[in-house]
Amino acid sequence: MRLVDISDKADEFPEQECPSCGLHVEAGHETCPWCHYEFPPQKPAVRWMAWLFACLLILPLMWILDRIF
C-alpha cells in the first residue's frame, strides 16, 4: 500500500476554504456545494495594487539604508 503525500497534490488542486461552513472547496468554484455561499470574484487589479504598494514601501527603505551604510 502506497501513501500519497498531500503536499505533492497541493499544487495540482488548489483549494479555498468556505468562510461560512469551513469546507475546503477546489479553487475556481463560484459557490460552496454544502452551504451555497457565493465566493466573491477575484479582481486582477488587487494583485497589481499589492505589488505597487509593496514597491512604494521598499523604495524609501532602500534609500534610508543607502544613506546609513
Protein backbone atom coordinates (compact mmCIF):
# COMPACT_ATOMS: atom_id res chain seq x y z
CA MET A 1 0.00 0.00 0.00
CA ARG A 2 1.41 3.37 -1.04
CA LEU A 3 0.63 6.52 0.87
CA VAL A 4 0.30 9.73 -1.10
CA ASP A 5 1.91 12.86 0.28
CA ILE A 6 -0.70 15.61 0.47
CA SER A 7 1.89 18.32 -0.17
CA ASP A 8 2.59 16.78 -3.60
CA LYS A 9 -1.05 17.18 -4.61
CA ALA A 10 -1.45 20.69 -3.16
CA ASP A 11 -0.23 22.37 -6.35
CA GLU A 12 -2.41 20.24 -8.61
CA PHE A 13 -5.68 21.02 -6.84
CA PRO A 14 -5.59 24.44 -5.17
CA GLU A 15 -8.28 24.82 -2.55
CA GLN A 16 -10.03 27.62 -0.81
CA GLU A 17 -11.90 27.46 2.48
CA CYS A 18 -15.54 28.49 2.66
CA PRO A 19 -15.83 31.29 5.25
CA SER A 20 -19.39 30.23 6.06
CA CYS A 21 -19.07 26.50 6.80
CA GLY A 22 -15.28 25.86 6.67
CA LEU A 23 -15.48 23.27 3.89
CA HIS A 24 -12.39 23.02 1.65
CA VAL A 25 -13.54 23.65 -1.92
CA GLU A 26 -11.48 23.48 -5.10
CA ALA A 27 -10.38 26.93 -6.22
CA GLY A 28 -12.43 28.36 -9.02
CA HIS A 29 -15.85 27.33 -7.71
CA GLU A 30 -18.32 30.17 -7.57
CA THR A 31 -20.42 28.66 -4.76
CA CYS A 32 -19.86 26.25 -1.89
CA PRO A 33 -21.50 22.87 -2.62
CA TRP A 34 -22.50 22.42 1.02
CA CYS A 35 -23.91 25.78 2.22
CA HIS A 36 -24.22 27.57 -1.17
CA TYR A 37 -22.05 30.51 -0.07
CA GLU A 38 -21.18 32.65 -3.10
CA PHE A 39 -17.47 33.35 -3.29
CA PRO A 40 -16.69 36.91 -4.36
CA PRO A 41 -14.92 37.14 -7.74
CA GLN A 42 -11.21 37.89 -7.55
CA LYS A 43 -10.14 41.08 -9.22
CA PRO A 44 -6.77 41.22 -11.00
CA ALA A 45 -6.38 44.87 -10.03
CA VAL A 46 -6.00 43.89 -6.38
CA ARG A 47 -2.83 41.93 -7.13
CA TRP A 48 -1.32 44.86 -9.05
CA MET A 49 -2.19 47.28 -6.26
CA ALA A 50 -0.50 44.98 -3.72
CA TRP A 51 2.71 44.90 -5.79
CA LEU A 52 2.64 48.66 -6.25
CA PHE A 53 2.12 49.22 -2.54
CA ALA A 54 4.99 46.83 -1.69
CA CYS A 55 7.32 48.64 -4.10
CA LEU A 56 6.38 52.03 -2.69
CA LEU A 57 7.24 50.78 0.79
CA ILE A 58 10.51 49.16 -0.24
CA LEU A 59 11.94 52.10 -2.21
CA PRO A 60 12.13 54.54 0.76
CA LEU A 61 13.59 51.76 2.91
CA MET A 62 16.33 51.19 0.32
CA TRP A 63 17.02 54.94 0.21
CA ILE A 64 17.34 55.09 4.03
CA LEU A 65 19.63 52.06 4.13
CA ASP A 66 21.76 53.58 1.37
CA ARG A 67 22.19 56.74 3.45
CA ILE A 68 23.15 54.80 6.59
CA PHE A 69 25.63 52.40 5.03
